[in-house]
C-alpha atoms as a PDB file:
ATOM      1  CA  MET A   1      23.111 -13.841  11.659  1.00  0.00           C
ATOM      2  CA  ASN A   2      23.253 -10.637   9.828  1.00  0.00           C
ATOM      3  CA  LEU A   3      21.058  -8.891   7.424  1.00  0.00           C
ATOM      4  CA  HIS A   4      23.105 -10.628   4.583  1.00  0.00           C
ATOM      5  CA  ASP A   5      22.938 -14.043   5.766  1.00  0.00           C
ATOM      6  CA  TRP A   6      18.839 -13.051   6.211  1.00  0.00           C
ATOM      7  CA  ILE A   7      18.511 -11.966   2.568  1.00  0.00           C
ATOM      8  CA  ASP A   8      20.257 -15.161   1.413  1.00  0.00           C
ATOM      9  CA  GLU A   9      18.324 -17.623   3.471  1.00  0.00           C
ATOM     10  CA  LEU A  10      14.770 -15.665   2.822  1.00  0.00           C
ATOM     11  CA  SER A  11      15.773 -15.800  -1.022  1.00  0.00           C
ATOM     12  CA  ASP A  12      16.335 -19.538  -0.633  1.00  0.00           C
ATOM     13  CA  VAL A  13      12.687 -20.201   0.491  1.00  0.00           C
ATOM     14  CA  LEU A  14      11.113 -18.171  -1.344  1.00  0.00           C
ATOM     15  CA  GLU A  15      12.556 -19.433  -4.340  1.00  0.00           C
ATOM     16  CA  LEU A  16      14.306 -16.458  -5.536  1.00  0.00           C
ATOM     17  CA  GLU A  17      17.342 -16.605  -7.527  1.00  0.00           C
ATOM     18  CA  ASP A  18      20.504 -14.267  -8.271  1.00  0.00           C
ATOM     19  CA  VAL A  19      18.645 -11.911  -6.204  1.00  0.00           C
ATOM     20  CA  GLU A  20      20.714  -8.437  -5.470  1.00  0.00           C
ATOM     21  CA  VAL A  21      19.372  -6.251  -2.339  1.00  0.00           C
ATOM     22  CA  ASP A  22      20.466  -2.584  -2.061  1.00  0.00           C
ATOM     23  CA  GLU A  23      20.673  -3.038   1.660  1.00  0.00           C
ATOM     24  CA  GLY A  24      21.423   0.560   1.949  1.00  0.00           C
ATOM     25  CA  LEU A  25      18.776   2.165  -0.166  1.00  0.00           C
ATOM     26  CA  LEU A  26      16.336  -0.009   1.580  1.00  0.00           C
ATOM     27  CA  ALA A  27      17.069   0.886   4.868  1.00  0.00           C
ATOM     28  CA  ASP A  28      17.395   4.550   4.404  1.00  0.00           C
ATOM     29  CA  LEU A  29      13.681   4.609   2.286  1.00  0.00           C
ATOM     30  CA  THR A  30      11.871   2.687   5.171  1.00  0.00           C
ATOM     31  CA  LYS A  31      13.491   4.960   7.814  1.00  0.00           C
ATOM     32  CA  THR A  32      12.171   7.834   5.943  1.00  0.00           C
ATOM     33  CA  ALA A  33       8.599   6.327   5.342  1.00  0.00           C
ATOM     34  CA  ALA A  34       8.428   5.396   9.245  1.00  0.00           C
ATOM     35  CA  THR A  35       9.606   8.470  10.521  1.00  0.00           C
ATOM     36  CA  ASN A  36       7.727  10.852   8.086  1.00  0.00           C
ATOM     37  CA  VAL A  37       4.473   8.459   7.669  1.00  0.00           C
ATOM     38  CA  GLU A  38       3.941   5.931  10.122  1.00  0.00           C
ATOM     39  CA  LYS A  39       6.066   3.164  11.562  1.00  0.00           C
ATOM     40  CA  LEU A  40       3.758   0.655   9.193  1.00  0.00           C
ATOM     41  CA  ALA A  41       4.794   2.628   6.485  1.00  0.00           C
ATOM     42  CA  ALA A  42       8.181   0.819   6.135  1.00  0.00           C
ATOM     43  CA  PRO A  43       7.080  -2.467   5.305  1.00  0.00           C
ATOM     44  CA  VAL A  44       4.427  -1.735   3.132  1.00  0.00           C
ATOM     45  CA  THR A  45       6.792   0.594   0.854  1.00  0.00           C
ATOM     46  CA  ALA A  46       9.484  -2.056   0.898  1.00  0.00           C
ATOM     47  CA  TYR A  47       6.739  -4.422  -0.485  1.00  0.00           C
ATOM     48  CA  LEU A  48       5.138  -1.809  -2.815  1.00  0.00           C
ATOM     49  CA  LEU A  49       8.994  -1.275  -3.865  1.00  0.00           C
ATOM     50  CA  GLY A  50       9.470  -4.894  -4.523  1.00  0.00           C
ATOM     51  CA  LEU A  51       6.313  -5.230  -6.373  1.00  0.00           C
ATOM     52  CA  ALA A  52       6.864  -2.343  -8.441  1.00  0.00           C
ATOM     53  CA  VAL A  53      10.435  -3.761  -9.169  1.00  0.00           C
ATOM     54  CA  GLY A  54       9.157  -7.026 -10.382  1.00  0.00           C
ATOM     55  CA  ASP A  55       6.255  -5.761 -12.522  1.00  0.00           C
ATOM     56  CA  ARG A  56       8.798  -4.035 -14.423  1.00  0.00           C
ATOM     57  CA  HIS A  57      11.688  -6.417 -14.307  1.00  0.00           C
ATOM     58  CA  ALA A  58      13.942  -3.757 -13.145  1.00  0.00           C
ATOM     59  CA  ASP A  59      17.056  -3.614 -13.695  1.00  0.00           C
ATOM     60  CA  PRO A  60      19.533  -1.933 -10.497  1.00  0.00           C
ATOM     61  CA  ALA A  61      19.038   1.709 -11.833  1.00  0.00           C
ATOM     62  CA  GLU A  62      15.530   1.281 -12.576  1.00  0.00           C
ATOM     63  CA  VAL A  63      15.063   0.138  -8.881  1.00  0.00           C
ATOM     64  CA  GLU A  64      17.023   3.348  -7.874  1.00  0.00           C
ATOM     65  CA  ARG A  65      14.902   5.412  -9.503  1.00  0.00           C
ATOM     66  CA  LEU A  66      11.550   4.003  -8.196  1.00  0.00           C
ATOM     67  CA  ALA A  67      13.064   3.807  -4.663  1.00  0.00           C
ATOM     68  CA  ALA A  68      13.889   7.604  -5.069  1.00  0.00           C
ATOM     69  CA  ARG A  69      10.210   8.794  -6.129  1.00  0.00           C
ATOM     70  CA  ALA A  70       8.916   6.552  -3.293  1.00  0.00           C
ATOM     71  CA  GLN A  71      11.856   8.344  -0.764  1.00  0.00           C
ATOM     72  CA  ALA A  72      10.385  11.827  -2.046  1.00  0.00           C
ATOM     73  CA  LEU A  73       6.887  10.739  -1.189  1.00  0.00           C
ATOM     74  CA  ALA A  74       7.873   9.799   2.366  1.00  0.00           C
ATOM     75  CA  GLU A  75       9.926  12.829   2.750  1.00  0.00           C
ATOM     76  CA  GLY A  76       7.362  15.436   1.275  1.00  0.00           C
ATOM     77  CA  TRP A  77       4.750  14.023   3.479  1.00  0.00           C
ATOM     78  CA  ASP A  78       2.333  16.523   5.292  1.00  0.00           C
ATOM     79  CA  ARG A  79       0.082  14.101   7.384  1.00  0.00           C
ATOM     80  CA  PRO A  80       1.269  13.160  10.935  1.00  0.00           C
ATOM     81  CA  ALA A  81       0.506   9.809  11.920  1.00  0.00           C
ATOM     82  CA  GLY A  82      -3.210   8.994  12.652  1.00  0.00           C
ATOM     83  CA  ALA A  83      -3.935  12.410  11.007  1.00  0.00           C
ATOM     84  CA  ARG A  84      -7.610  12.197   9.081  1.00  0.00           C
ATOM     85  CA  ASP A  85      -7.844  12.422   5.568  1.00  0.00           C
ATOM     86  CA  PRO A  86      -9.321  16.090   5.108  1.00  0.00           C
ATOM     87  CA  ASP A  87     -11.645  14.404   2.507  1.00  0.00           C
ATOM     88  CA  ASP A  88     -12.971  11.950   4.820  1.00  0.00           C
ATOM     89  CA  VAL A  89     -16.495  13.065   5.795  1.00  0.00           C
ATOM     90  CA  ASP A  90     -18.214  12.347   9.103  1.00  0.00           C
ATOM     91  CA  ASP A  91     -21.559  12.006   7.100  1.00  0.00           C
ATOM     92  CA  ASP A  92     -24.487  10.840   9.688  1.00  0.00           C
ATOM     93  CA  VAL A  93     -26.034   7.809   8.044  1.00  0.00           C
ATOM     94  CA  PRO A  94     -29.721   7.798   8.166  1.00  0.00           C
ATOM     95  CA  ASP A  95     -31.339   5.167  10.794  1.00  0.00           C
ATOM     96  CA  ASP A  96     -33.770   3.479   8.018  1.00  0.00           C
ATOM     97  CA  ALA A  97     -34.769   0.268  10.605  1.00  0.00           C
ATOM     98  CA  THR A  98     -38.574   1.331  10.877  1.00  0.00           C
ATOM     99  CA  VAL A  99     -38.418   1.598   7.023  1.00  0.00           C
ATOM    100  CA  ASP A 100     -40.567  -0.946   4.961  1.00  0.00           C
ATOM    101  CA  HIS A 101     -38.172  -2.564   2.468  1.00  0.00           C
ATOM    102  CA  SER A 102     -40.159  -5.479   1.291  1.00  0.00           C
ATOM    103  CA  GLY A 103     -41.708  -4.214  -2.070  1.00  0.00           C
ATOM    104  CA  GLU A 104     -38.253  -3.191  -2.894  1.00  0.00           C
ATOM    105  CA  VAL A 105     -36.407  -5.621  -5.407  1.00  0.00           C
ATOM    106  CA  TYR A 106     -32.525  -5.436  -6.939  1.00  0.00           C
ATOM    107  CA  ASP A 107     -33.052  -6.004 -10.729  1.00  0.00           C
ATOM    108  CA  ASP A 108     -29.863  -7.267 -12.494  1.00  0.00           C
ATOM    109  CA  ASP A 109     -31.208  -5.778 -15.840  1.00  0.00           C
ATOM    110  CA  ARG A 110     -31.052  -2.464 -14.810  1.00  0.00           C
ATOM    111  CA  ALA A 111     -27.745  -1.754 -13.510  1.00  0.00           C
ATOM    112  CA  GLY A 112     -28.150  -1.971 -10.101  1.00  0.00           C
ATOM    113  CA  GLU A 113     -31.111   0.376  -9.988  1.00  0.00           C
ATOM    114  CA  LEU A 114     -33.261  -0.249  -7.005  1.00  0.00           C
ATOM    115  CA  VAL A 115     -36.828  -0.862  -8.626  1.00  0.00           C
ATOM    116  CA  ASP A 116     -40.144  -1.102  -6.552  1.00  0.00           C
ATOM    117  CA  ASP A 117     -42.895  -3.685  -7.998  1.00  0.00           C
END
């Protein structure tokens, strides 16, 4: 079985009709995502592209445009796999295990404010 056969069989199982898949476009896009972002980015990228295509009922030209945008993002990705987001902060979370919270009540009418009785 080759990729084209897989696409046909999977389309049948997923009850998709008249599916046209640009195998080369997907192969290039997922390879770039896996290489420049991380391995798991490849299937996630293909999945999100599929969602965008379906959401827009995209024609082939629109599919290529969306894929090109995803490709450009992956090609320009400047964070190596496993790198921390520079906006993440390791703030210490205070341990309030010894604080008595028994008098605190959550009041739905006050938009989530914590109120003391």
